[in-house]
Structures are given as C-alpha cells and as structure tokens.
PDB file of N, CA and C in Angstrom:
ATOM      1  N   MET A   1      89.582 120.321 125.066  1.00  0.00           N
ATOM      2  CA  MET A   1      89.799 119.576 123.820  1.00  0.00           C
ATOM      3  C   MET A   1      90.568 120.442 122.858  1.00  0.00           C
ATOM      4  N   SER A   2      91.662 119.917 122.284  1.00  0.00           N
ATOM      5  CA  SER A   2      92.463 120.683 121.353  1.00  0.00           C
ATOM      6  C   SER A   2      91.748 120.799 120.038  1.00  0.00           C
ATOM      7  N   LYS A   3      92.225 121.732 119.181  1.00  0.00           N
ATOM      8  CA  LYS A   3      91.580 121.930 117.876  1.00  0.00           C
ATOM      9  C   LYS A   3      91.774 120.658 117.038  1.00  0.00           C
ATOM     10  N   PHE A   4      92.968 120.012 117.159  1.00  0.00           N
ATOM     11  CA  PHE A   4      93.205 118.763 116.460  1.00  0.00           C
ATOM     12  C   PHE A   4      92.249 117.703 116.878  1.00  0.00           C
ATOM     13  N   ASP A   5      91.981 117.574 118.184  1.00  0.00           N
ATOM     14  CA  ASP A   5      91.044 116.574 118.673  1.00  0.00           C
ATOM     15  C   ASP A   5      89.627 116.856 118.178  1.00  0.00           C
ATOM     16  N   GLU A   6      89.262 118.086 118.056  1.00  0.00           N
ATOM     17  CA  GLU A   6      87.978 118.469 117.522  1.00  0.00           C
ATOM     18  C   GLU A   6      87.871 118.031 116.075  1.00  0.00           C
ATOM     19  N   MET A   7      88.967 118.231 115.321  1.00  0.00           N
ATOM     20  CA  MET A   7      88.923 117.855 113.925  1.00  0.00           C
ATOM     21  C   MET A   7      88.836 116.311 113.790  1.00  0.00           C
ATOM     22  N   MET A   8      89.536 115.637 114.653  1.00  0.00           N
ATOM     23  CA  MET A   8      89.469 114.149 114.597  1.00  0.00           C
ATOM     24  C   MET A   8      88.053 113.653 114.930  1.00  0.00           C
ATOM     25  N   ALA A   9      87.396 114.279 115.889  1.00  0.00           N
ATOM     26  CA  ALA A   9      86.036 113.903 116.186  1.00  0.00           C
ATOM     27  C   ALA A   9      85.085 114.158 114.988  1.00  0.00           C
ATOM     28  N   LYS A  10      85.355 115.258 114.294  1.00  0.00           N
ATOM     29  CA  LYS A  10      84.582 115.647 113.128  1.00  0.00           C
ATOM     30  C   LYS A  10      84.800 114.586 112.014  1.00  0.00           C
ATOM     31  N   TYR A  11      86.063 114.159 111.811  1.00  0.00           N
ATOM     32  CA  TYR A  11      86.398 113.168 110.766  1.00  0.00           C
ATOM     33  C   TYR A  11      85.735 111.806 111.133  1.00  0.00           C
ATOM     34  N   SER A  12      85.777 111.398 112.378  1.00  0.00           N
ATOM     35  CA  SER A  12      85.188 110.138 112.773  1.00  0.00           C
ATOM     36  C   SER A  12      83.680 110.168 112.553  1.00  0.00           C
ATOM     37  N   ALA A  13      83.017 111.265 112.924  1.00  0.00           N
ATOM     38  CA  ALA A  13      81.577 111.428 112.720  1.00  0.00           C
ATOM     39  C   ALA A  13      81.229 111.400 111.207  1.00  0.00           C
ATOM     40  N   GLU A  14      82.102 112.030 110.422  1.00  0.00           N
ATOM     41  CA  GLU A  14      81.853 112.046 108.954  1.00  0.00           C
ATOM     42  C   GLU A  14      81.991 110.639 108.360  1.00  0.00           C
ATOM     43  N   LEU A  15      82.964 109.924 108.836  1.00  0.00           N
ATOM     44  CA  LEU A  15      83.109 108.537 108.340  1.00  0.00           C
ATOM     45  C   LEU A  15      81.937 107.640 108.727  1.00  0.00           C
ATOM     46  N   LYS A  16      81.423 107.840 109.926  1.00  0.00           N
ATOM     47  CA  LYS A  16      80.279 107.065 110.352  1.00  0.00           C
ATOM     48  C   LYS A  16      79.040 107.426 109.528  1.00  0.00           C
ATOM     49  N   SER A  17      78.884 108.713 109.235  1.00  0.00           N
ATOM     50  CA  SER A  17      77.737 109.124 108.398  1.00  0.00           C
ATOM     51  C   SER A  17      77.915 108.631 106.949  1.00  0.00           C
ATOM     52  N   ALA A  18      79.148 108.355 106.551  1.00  0.00           N
ATOM     53  CA  ALA A  18      79.428 107.798 105.197  1.00  0.00           C
ATOM     54  C   ALA A  18      79.297 106.300 105.179  1.00  0.00           C
ATOM     55  N   GLY A  19      78.890 105.708 106.316  1.00  0.00           N
ATOM     56  CA  GLY A  19      78.647 104.253 106.334  1.00  0.00           C
ATOM     57  C   GLY A  19      79.831 103.444 106.785  1.00  0.00           C
ATOM     58  N   LYS A  20      80.858 104.063 107.302  1.00  0.00           N
ATOM     59  CA  LYS A  20      82.021 103.339 107.794  1.00  0.00           C
ATOM     60  C   LYS A  20      81.909 103.184 109.284  1.00  0.00           C
ATOM     61  N   SER A  21      81.432 102.060 109.762  1.00  0.00           N
ATOM     62  CA  SER A  21      81.201 101.870 111.199  1.00  0.00           C
ATOM     63  C   SER A  21      82.461 101.642 111.972  1.00  0.00           C
ATOM     64  N   ALA A  22      83.418 100.905 111.457  1.00  0.00           N
ATOM     65  CA  ALA A  22      84.661 100.640 112.162  1.00  0.00           C
ATOM     66  C   ALA A  22      85.759 101.558 111.585  1.00  0.00           C
ATOM     67  N   VAL A  23      86.131 102.525 112.428  1.00  0.00           N
ATOM     68  CA  VAL A  23      87.158 103.491 112.003  1.00  0.00           C
ATOM     69  C   VAL A  23      88.462 103.208 112.757  1.00  0.00           C
ATOM     70  N   ASP A  24      89.535 103.061 111.979  1.00  0.00           N
ATOM     71  CA  ASP A  24      90.868 102.870 112.541  1.00  0.00           C
ATOM     72  C   ASP A  24      91.366 104.245 112.952  1.00  0.00           C
ATOM     73  N   ALA A  25      91.262 104.588 114.229  1.00  0.00           N
ATOM     74  CA  ALA A  25      91.644 105.881 114.723  1.00  0.00           C
ATOM     75  C   ALA A  25      93.099 106.187 114.519  1.00  0.00           C
ATOM     76  N   ASP A  26      93.968 105.216 114.630  1.00  0.00           N
ATOM     77  CA  ASP A  26      95.385 105.402 114.434  1.00  0.00           C
ATOM     78  C   ASP A  26      95.700 105.769 112.982  1.00  0.00           C
ATOM     79  N   GLN A  27      95.088 105.100 112.046  1.00  0.00           N
ATOM     80  CA  GLN A  27      95.256 105.374 110.632  1.00  0.00           C
ATOM     81  C   GLN A  27      94.722 106.767 110.283  1.00  0.00           C
ATOM     82  N   LEU A  28      93.567 107.084 110.825  1.00  0.00           N
ATOM     83  CA  LEU A  28      92.927 108.402 110.600  1.00  0.00           C
ATOM     84  C   LEU A  28      93.826 109.499 111.114  1.00  0.00           C
ATOM     85  N   THR A  29      94.434 109.303 112.268  1.00  0.00           N
ATOM     86  CA  THR A  29      95.348 110.308 112.876  1.00  0.00           C
ATOM     87  C   THR A  29      96.564 110.466 111.988  1.00  0.00           C
ATOM     88  N   LYS A  30      97.115 109.367 111.449  1.00  0.00           N
ATOM     89  CA  LYS A  30      98.292 109.455 110.564  1.00  0.00           C
ATOM     90  C   LYS A  30      97.965 110.256 109.299  1.00  0.00           C
ATOM     91  N   VAL A  31      96.795 110.036 108.726  1.00  0.00           N
ATOM     92  CA  VAL A  31      96.389 110.812 107.547  1.00  0.00           C
ATOM     93  C   VAL A  31      96.278 112.280 107.883  1.00  0.00           C
ATOM     94  N   ALA A  32      95.631 112.603 108.967  1.00  0.00           N
ATOM     95  CA  ALA A  32      95.475 114.002 109.357  1.00  0.00           C
ATOM     96  C   ALA A  32      96.803 114.671 109.644  1.00  0.00           C
ATOM     97  N   LYS A  33      97.680 113.996 110.390  1.00  0.00           N
ATOM     98  CA  LYS A  33      99.016 114.621 110.661  1.00  0.00           C
ATOM     99  C   LYS A  33      99.834 114.717 109.374  1.00  0.00           C
ATOM    100  N   GLY A  34      99.669 113.808 108.467  1.00  0.00           N
ATOM    101  CA  GLY A  34     100.403 113.893 107.219  1.00  0.00           C
ATOM    102  C   GLY A  34      99.998 115.092 106.381  1.00  0.00           C
ATOM    103  N   LEU A  35      98.801 115.564 106.535  1.00  0.00           N
ATOM    104  CA  LEU A  35      98.330 116.755 105.809  1.00  0.00           C
ATOM    105  C   LEU A  35      98.722 118.044 106.486  1.00  0.00           C
ATOM    106  N   GLY A  36      99.200 117.977 107.709  1.00  0.00           N
ATOM    107  CA  GLY A  36      99.663 119.168 108.413  1.00  0.00           C
ATOM    108  C   GLY A  36      98.623 120.207 108.619  1.00  0.00           C
ATOM    109  N   PRO A  37      99.031 121.497 108.620  1.00  0.00           N
ATOM    110  CA  PRO A  37      98.093 122.563 108.933  1.00  0.00           C
ATOM    111  C   PRO A  37      97.012 122.785 107.879  1.00  0.00           C
ATOM    112  N   SER A  38      97.116 122.138 106.708  1.00  0.00           N
ATOM    113  CA  SER A  38      96.139 122.314 105.680  1.00  0.00           C
ATOM    114  C   SER A  38      94.717 121.848 106.131  1.00  0.00           C
ATOM    115  N   ILE A  39      94.700 120.998 107.152  1.00  0.00           N
ATOM    116  CA  ILE A  39      93.371 120.497 107.609  1.00  0.00           C
ATOM    117  C   ILE A  39      92.525 121.603 108.188  1.00  0.00           C
ATOM    118  N   TYR A  40      93.168 122.675 108.595  1.00  0.00           N
ATOM    119  CA  TYR A  40      92.452 123.797 109.219  1.00  0.00           C
ATOM    120  C   TYR A  40      91.995 124.904 108.219  1.00  0.00           C
ATOM    121  N   LEU A  41      92.469 124.759 106.948  1.00  0.00           N
ATOM    122  CA  LEU A  41      92.080 125.747 105.922  1.00  0.00           C
ATOM    123  C   LEU A  41      90.916 125.173 105.123  1.00  0.00           C
ATOM    124  N   ARG A  42      89.906 125.994 105.030  1.00  0.00           N
ATOM    125  CA  ARG A  42      88.629 125.525 104.426  1.00  0.00           C
ATOM    126  C   ARG A  42      88.834 124.949 103.011  1.00  0.00           C
ATOM    127  N   ASP A  43      89.478 125.659 102.128  1.00  0.00           N
ATOM    128  CA  ASP A  43      89.608 125.180 100.769  1.00  0.00           C
ATOM    129  C   ASP A  43      90.534 123.981 100.663  1.00  0.00           C
ATOM    130  N   ALA A  44      91.612 124.047 101.354  1.00  0.00           N
ATOM    131  CA  ALA A  44      92.639 122.967 101.312  1.00  0.00           C
ATOM    132  C   ALA A  44      92.133 121.679 101.959  1.00  0.00           C
ATOM    133  N   SER A  45      91.173 121.777 102.851  1.00  0.00           N
ATOM    134  CA  SER A  45      90.713 120.605 103.611  1.00  0.00           C
ATOM    135  C   SER A  45      89.609 119.839 102.823  1.00  0.00           C
ATOM    136  N   MET A  46      89.255 120.290 101.637  1.00  0.00           N
ATOM    137  CA  MET A  46      88.170 119.667 100.875  1.00  0.00           C
ATOM    138  C   MET A  46      88.678 119.066  99.572  1.00  0.00           C
ATOM    139  N   VAL A  47      88.014 118.064  99.098  1.00  0.00           N
ATOM    140  CA  VAL A  47      88.274 117.474  97.786  1.00  0.00           C
ATOM    141  C   VAL A  47      87.028 117.604  96.940  1.00  0.00           C
ATOM    142  N   SER A  48      87.206 118.066  95.692  1.00  0.00           N
ATOM    143  CA  SER A  48      86.101 118.215  94.782  1.00  0.00           C
ATOM    144  C   SER A  48      86.194 117.096  93.743  1.00  0.00           C
ATOM    145  N   CYS A  49      85.220 116.260  93.690  1.00  0.00           N
ATOM    146  CA  CYS A  49      85.225 115.144  92.712  1.00  0.00           C
ATOM    147  C   CYS A  49      84.811 115.652  91.329  1.00  0.00           C
ATOM    148  N   THR A  50      84.357 116.867  91.223  1.00  0.00           N
ATOM    149  CA  THR A  50      84.017 117.404  89.901  1.00  0.00           C
ATOM    150  C   THR A  50      85.114 118.192  89.239  1.00  0.00           C
ATOM    151  N   ASP A  51      86.213 118.399  89.957  1.00  0.00           N
ATOM    152  CA  ASP A  51      87.334 119.164  89.462  1.00  0.00           C
ATOM    153  C   ASP A  51      88.499 118.208  89.121  1.00  0.00           C
ATOM    154  N   GLN A  52      88.725 117.987  87.825  1.00  0.00           N
ATOM    155  CA  GLN A  52      89.739 117.028  87.407  1.00  0.00           C
ATOM    156  C   GLN A  52      91.138 117.401  87.899  1.00  0.00           C
ATOM    157  N   THR A  53      91.409 118.723  87.958  1.00  0.00           N
ATOM    158  CA  THR A  53      92.716 119.211  88.456  1.00  0.00           C
ATOM    159  C   THR A  53      92.884 118.744  89.903  1.00  0.00           C
ATOM    160  N   GLU A  54      91.844 118.816  90.708  1.00  0.00           N
ATOM    161  CA  GLU A  54      91.892 118.379  92.090  1.00  0.00           C
ATOM    162  C   GLU A  54      92.133 116.889  92.208  1.00  0.00           C
ATOM    163  N   LEU A  55      91.462 116.119  91.374  1.00  0.00           N
ATOM    164  CA  LEU A  55      91.652 114.683  91.400  1.00  0.00           C
ATOM    165  C   LEU A  55      93.071 114.287  90.901  1.00  0.00           C
ATOM    166  N   ASP A  56      93.617 115.036  89.966  1.00  0.00           N
ATOM    167  CA  ASP A  56      94.961 114.807  89.513  1.00  0.00           C
ATOM    168  C   ASP A  56      95.949 115.117  90.674  1.00  0.00           C
ATOM    169  N   ARG A  57      95.637 116.125  91.460  1.00  0.00           N
ATOM    170  CA  ARG A  57      96.481 116.463  92.604  1.00  0.00           C
ATOM    171  C   ARG A  57      96.451 115.383  93.655  1.00  0.00           C
ATOM    172  N   VAL A  58      95.251 114.808  93.904  1.00  0.00           N
ATOM    173  CA  VAL A  58      95.146 113.691  94.856  1.00  0.00           C
ATOM    174  C   VAL A  58      95.976 112.509  94.361  1.00  0.00           C
ATOM    175  N   LYS A  59      95.868 112.233  93.104  1.00  0.00           N
ATOM    176  CA  LYS A  59      96.662 111.140  92.510  1.00  0.00           C
ATOM    177  C   LYS A  59      98.154 111.343  92.601  1.00  0.00           C
ATOM    178  N   ALA A  60      98.636 112.565  92.247  1.00  0.00           N
ATOM    179  CA  ALA A  60     100.030 112.872  92.243  1.00  0.00           C
ATOM    180  C   ALA A  60     100.601 112.994  93.665  1.00  0.00           C
ATOM    181  N   ASN A  61      99.969 113.780  94.461  1.00  0.00           N
ATOM    182  CA  ASN A  61     100.516 114.067  95.778  1.00  0.00           C
ATOM    183  C   ASN A  61     100.279 113.003  96.841  1.00  0.00           C
ATOM    184  N   PHE A  62      99.177 112.302  96.790  1.00  0.00           N
ATOM    185  CA  PHE A  62      98.869 111.310  97.783  1.00  0.00           C
ATOM    186  C   PHE A  62      99.203 109.877  97.292  1.00  0.00           C
ATOM    187  N   LEU A  63      98.535 109.492  96.237  1.00  0.00           N
ATOM    188  CA  LEU A  63      98.694 108.138  95.778  1.00  0.00           C
ATOM    189  C   LEU A  63     100.096 107.803  95.259  1.00  0.00           C
ATOM    190  N   THR A  64     100.665 108.736  94.489  1.00  0.00           N
ATOM    191  CA  THR A  64     101.972 108.488  93.925  1.00  0.00           C
ATOM    192  C   THR A  64     103.096 108.814  94.889  1.00  0.00           C
ATOM    193  N   LYS A  65     103.095 110.032  95.447  1.00  0.00           N
ATOM    194  CA  LYS A  65     104.174 110.455  96.334  1.00  0.00           C
ATOM    195  C   LYS A  65     104.166 109.768  97.692  1.00  0.00           C
ATOM    196  N   LYS A  66     103.013 109.754  98.350  1.00  0.00           N
ATOM    197  CA  LYS A  66     102.917 109.176  99.697  1.00  0.00           C
ATOM    198  C   LYS A  66     102.875 107.644  99.712  1.00  0.00           C
ATOM    199  N   LEU A  67     102.091 107.081  98.766  1.00  0.00           N
ATOM    200  CA  LEU A  67     101.906 105.632  98.780  1.00  0.00           C
ATOM    201  C   LEU A  67     102.813 104.910  97.780  1.00  0.00           C
ATOM    202  N   GLY A  68     103.436 105.658  96.863  1.00  0.00           N
ATOM    203  CA  GLY A  68     104.320 105.025  95.908  1.00  0.00           C
ATOM    204  C   GLY A  68     103.634 104.219  94.812  1.00  0.00           C
ATOM    205  N   MET A  69     102.363 104.537  94.544  1.00  0.00           N
ATOM    206  CA  MET A  69     101.604 103.821  93.479  1.00  0.00           C
ATOM    207  C   MET A  69     102.041 104.279  92.106  1.00  0.00           C
ATOM    208  N   THR A  70     101.990 103.386  91.138  1.00  0.00           N
ATOM    209  CA  THR A  70     102.355 103.734  89.794  1.00  0.00           C
ATOM    210  C   THR A  70     101.263 103.315  88.783  1.00  0.00           C
ATOM    211  N   ASP A  71     100.330 102.483  89.161  1.00  0.00           N
ATOM    212  CA  ASP A  71      99.316 101.982  88.284  1.00  0.00           C
ATOM    213  C   ASP A  71      98.156 103.012  88.167  1.00  0.00           C
ATOM    214  N   ASN A  72      98.216 103.792  87.051  1.00  0.00           N
ATOM    215  CA  ASN A  72      97.202 104.824  86.841  1.00  0.00           C
ATOM    216  C   ASN A  72      95.813 104.332  86.823  1.00  0.00           C
ATOM    217  N   ALA A  73      95.562 103.190  86.214  1.00  0.00           N
ATOM    218  CA  ALA A  73      94.200 102.626  86.145  1.00  0.00           C
ATOM    219  C   ALA A  73      93.663 102.322  87.539  1.00  0.00           C
ATOM    220  N   ALA A  74      94.509 101.734  88.380  1.00  0.00           N
ATOM    221  CA  ALA A  74      94.082 101.408  89.757  1.00  0.00           C
ATOM    222  C   ALA A  74      93.810 102.639  90.559  1.00  0.00           C
ATOM    223  N   MET A  75      94.649 103.653  90.374  1.00  0.00           N
ATOM    224  CA  MET A  75      94.494 104.942  91.113  1.00  0.00           C
ATOM    225  C   MET A  75      93.176 105.608  90.673  1.00  0.00           C
ATOM    226  N   ASP A  76      92.927 105.657  89.351  1.00  0.00           N
ATOM    227  CA  ASP A  76      91.708 106.279  88.854  1.00  0.00           C
ATOM    228  C   ASP A  76      90.479 105.540  89.302  1.00  0.00           C
ATOM    229  N   ALA A  77      90.541 104.229  89.319  1.00  0.00           N
ATOM    230  CA  ALA A  77      89.381 103.399  89.815  1.00  0.00           C
ATOM    231  C   ALA A  77      89.126 103.630  91.279  1.00  0.00           C
ATOM    232  N   ALA A  78      90.199 103.705  92.051  1.00  0.00           N
ATOM    233  CA  ALA A  78      90.030 103.910  93.516  1.00  0.00           C
ATOM    234  C   ALA A  78      89.397 105.324  93.800  1.00  0.00           C
ATOM    235  N   ILE A  79      89.949 106.328  93.047  1.00  0.00           N
ATOM    236  CA  ILE A  79      89.413 107.683  93.262  1.00  0.00           C
ATOM    237  C   ILE A  79      87.953 107.734  92.863  1.00  0.00           C
ATOM    238  N   ALA A  80      87.582 107.134  91.743  1.00  0.00           N
ATOM    239  CA  ALA A  80      86.178 107.134  91.273  1.00  0.00           C
ATOM    240  C   ALA A  80      85.306 106.397  92.273  1.00  0.00           C
ATOM    241  N   ALA A  81      85.803 105.292  92.815  1.00  0.00           N
ATOM    242  CA  ALA A  81      85.020 104.561  93.773  1.00  0.00           C
ATOM    243  C   ALA A  81      84.756 105.308  95.047  1.00  0.00           C
ATOM    244  N   VAL A  82      85.780 106.054  95.565  1.00  0.00           N
ATOM    245  CA  VAL A  82      85.599 106.827  96.758  1.00  0.00           C
ATOM    246  C   VAL A  82      84.689 108.030  96.469  1.00  0.00           C
ATOM    247  N   CYS A  83      84.830 108.629  95.310  1.00  0.00           N
ATOM    248  CA  CYS A  83      83.836 109.749  94.922  1.00  0.00           C
ATOM    249  C   CYS A  83      82.428 109.225  94.962  1.00  0.00           C
ATOM    250  N   ALA A  84      82.200 107.998  94.502  1.00  0.00           N
ATOM    251  CA  ALA A  84      80.861 107.438  94.491  1.00  0.00           C
ATOM    252  C   ALA A  84      80.402 107.078  95.909  1.00  0.00           C
ATOM    253  N   ASP A  85      81.303 106.490  96.722  1.00  0.00           N
ATOM    254  CA  ASP A  85      80.937 106.082  98.076  1.00  0.00           C
ATOM    255  C   ASP A  85      80.728 107.220  99.031  1.00  0.00           C
ATOM    256  N   TYR A  86      81.513 108.249  98.831  1.00  0.00           N
ATOM    257  CA  TYR A  86      81.557 109.389  99.777  1.00  0.00           C
ATOM    258  C   TYR A  86      80.763 110.522  99.082  1.00  0.00           C
ATOM    259  N   SER A  87      79.468 110.477  99.230  1.00  0.00           N
ATOM    260  CA  SER A  87      78.560 111.345  98.417  1.00  0.00           C
ATOM    261  C   SER A  87      78.233 112.657  99.148  1.00  0.00           C
ATOM    262  N   SER A  88      78.957 112.992 100.166  1.00  0.00           N
ATOM    263  CA  SER A  88      78.740 114.247 100.867  1.00  0.00           C
ATOM    264  C   SER A  88      79.013 115.414  99.914  1.00  0.00           C
ATOM    265  N   LYS A  89      78.306 116.505 100.104  1.00  0.00           N
ATOM    266  CA  LYS A  89      78.509 117.687  99.254  1.00  0.00           C
ATOM    267  C   LYS A  89      79.907 118.273  99.441  1.00  0.00           C
ATOM    268  N   GLN A  90      80.349 118.279 100.701  1.00  0.00           N
ATOM    269  CA  GLN A  90      81.733 118.753 100.997  1.00  0.00           C
ATOM    270  C   GLN A  90      82.522 117.625 101.492  1.00  0.00           C
ATOM    271  N   ARG A  91      83.369 117.106 100.633  1.00  0.00           N
ATOM    272  CA  ARG A  91      84.185 115.936 100.988  1.00  0.00           C
ATOM    273  C   ARG A  91      85.443 116.380 101.706  1.00  0.00           C
ATOM    274  N   LEU A  92      85.587 115.959 102.922  1.00  0.00           N
ATOM    275  CA  LEU A  92      86.774 116.336 103.748  1.00  0.00           C
ATOM    276  C   LEU A  92      87.989 115.529 103.253  1.00  0.00           C
ATOM    277  N   ARG A  93      89.106 116.228 103.020  1.00  0.00           N
ATOM    278  CA  ARG A  93      90.303 115.599 102.458  1.00  0.00           C
ATOM    279  C   ARG A  93      90.800 114.446 103.329  1.00  0.00           C
ATOM    280  N   VAL A  94      90.801 114.642 104.648  1.00  0.00           N
ATOM    281  CA  VAL A  94      91.307 113.545 105.557  1.00  0.00           C
ATOM    282  C   VAL A  94      90.403 112.346 105.380  1.00  0.00           C
ATOM    283  N   VAL A  95      89.137 112.526 105.357  1.00  0.00           N
ATOM    284  CA  VAL A  95      88.201 111.371 105.200  1.00  0.00           C
ATOM    285  C   VAL A  95      88.347 110.756 103.837  1.00  0.00           C
ATOM    286  N   PHE A  96      88.507 111.574 102.794  1.00  0.00           N
ATOM    287  CA  PHE A  96      88.682 111.064 101.430  1.00  0.00           C
ATOM    288  C   PHE A  96      89.915 110.242 101.355  1.00  0.00           C
ATOM    289  N   TYR A  97      91.045 110.716 101.864  1.00  0.00           N
ATOM    290  CA  TYR A  97      92.285 109.977 101.836  1.00  0.00           C
ATOM    291  C   TYR A  97      92.220 108.674 102.682  1.00  0.00           C
ATOM    292  N   TYR A  98      91.525 108.757 103.801  1.00  0.00           N
ATOM    293  CA  TYR A  98      91.344 107.566 104.634  1.00  0.00           C
ATOM    294  C   TYR A  98      90.554 106.517 103.851  1.00  0.00           C
ATOM    295  N   MET A  99      89.511 106.923 103.180  1.00  0.00           N
ATOM    296  CA  MET A  99      88.698 105.997 102.382  1.00  0.00           C
ATOM    297  C   MET A  99      89.488 105.423 101.226  1.00  0.00           C
ATOM    298  N   LEU A 100      90.368 106.241 100.636  1.00  0.00           N
ATOM    299  CA  LEU A 100      91.254 105.712  99.612  1.00  0.00           C
ATOM    300  C   LEU A 100      92.124 104.578 100.156  1.00  0.00           C
ATOM    301  N   LEU A 101      92.694 104.853 101.301  1.00  0.00           N
ATOM    302  CA  LEU A 101      93.564 103.831 101.897  1.00  0.00           C
ATOM    303  C   LEU A 101      92.793 102.527 102.169  1.00  0.00           C
ATOM    304  N   GLN A 102      91.566 102.641 102.649  1.00  0.00           N
ATOM    305  CA  GLN A 102      90.732 101.483 102.920  1.00  0.00           C
ATOM    306  C   GLN A 102      90.394 100.765 101.627  1.00  0.00           C
ATOM    307  N   LYS A 103      90.051 101.551 100.581  1.00  0.00           N
ATOM    308  CA  LYS A 103      89.696 100.954  99.284  1.00  0.00           C
ATOM    309  C   LYS A 103      90.878 100.200  98.687  1.00  0.00           C
ATOM    310  N   LEU A 104      92.063 100.746  98.851  1.00  0.00           N
ATOM    311  CA  LEU A 104      93.267 100.135  98.254  1.00  0.00           C
ATOM    312  C   LEU A 104      93.902  99.089  99.156  1.00  0.00           C
ATOM    313  N   GLY A 105      93.462  98.975 100.386  1.00  0.00           N
ATOM    314  CA  GLY A 105      94.038  98.040 101.325  1.00  0.00           C
ATOM    315  C   GLY A 105      95.451  98.482 101.766  1.00  0.00           C
ATOM    316  N   LYS A 106      95.659  99.751 101.812  1.00  0.00           N
ATOM    317  CA  LYS A 106      97.046 100.287 102.177  1.00  0.00           C
ATOM    318  C   LYS A 106      96.969 100.929 103.544  1.00  0.00           C
ATOM    319  N   THR A 107      98.191 101.208 104.117  1.00  0.00           N
ATOM    320  CA  THR A 107      98.318 101.924 105.332  1.00  0.00           C
ATOM    321  C   THR A 107      99.452 102.917 105.204  1.00  0.00           C
ATOM    322  N   LEU A 108      99.459 103.913 106.107  1.00  0.00           N
ATOM    323  CA  LEU A 108     100.573 104.851 106.129  1.00  0.00           C
ATOM    324  C   LEU A 108     101.572 104.444 107.157  1.00  0.00           C
TER     325      LEU A 108
END
C-alpha cells in the first residue's frame, strides 16, 4: 500500500468517525491531490478552527481561489458549520475541505 493510499484510508476513517457514512472517494482523492505534498506535513495537514489566520487562509486559498467563491458571508457560515460538525481535536485539512465541499454542494 502506498503512502497516499494509507492517507486516503485515514481520511475515509476520519470522515466515518465524523458521522459521514457515504464518502465520495473520487472527490476525496481530488481534494487530497489538490493539496499536493502538504498532506504529509504535520502542521500543513491540519486546520485550526481557533486560529482566525488559518480560517482566513482556508477562505482565501480554497474557497476563493479553488472554488471561485465571492460571498464572504456564505464562506464564513460554511467554515463555521464545518468547525462545529467536525469536532475532532486535530482537524485534517483534506477532511475539512471535503466537508466544506459537501456543505456548499460543490465539487472539484
């Protein structure tokens, strides 16, 4: 099993523990590949919901640049909802972004 496959298994398990029973493996893979090698770096692979700078980075780099969103209120609401739904102490970036996509009804 490759390191990437191990990470994908970890993400799927994390989503299931977060209450997401049906995981779109293709979409999850697209999110992971879009983040590149950062998924293997401990600090870069996590999202902190208590750090406003981090949440601004999620909004700017993922929601605005990748998804083309412009509605700040909708982006803030989606981020807040995912922070509430994904209550793990260490929120994995791939899982967080996947949950954002699901919350917003978007795809990559």
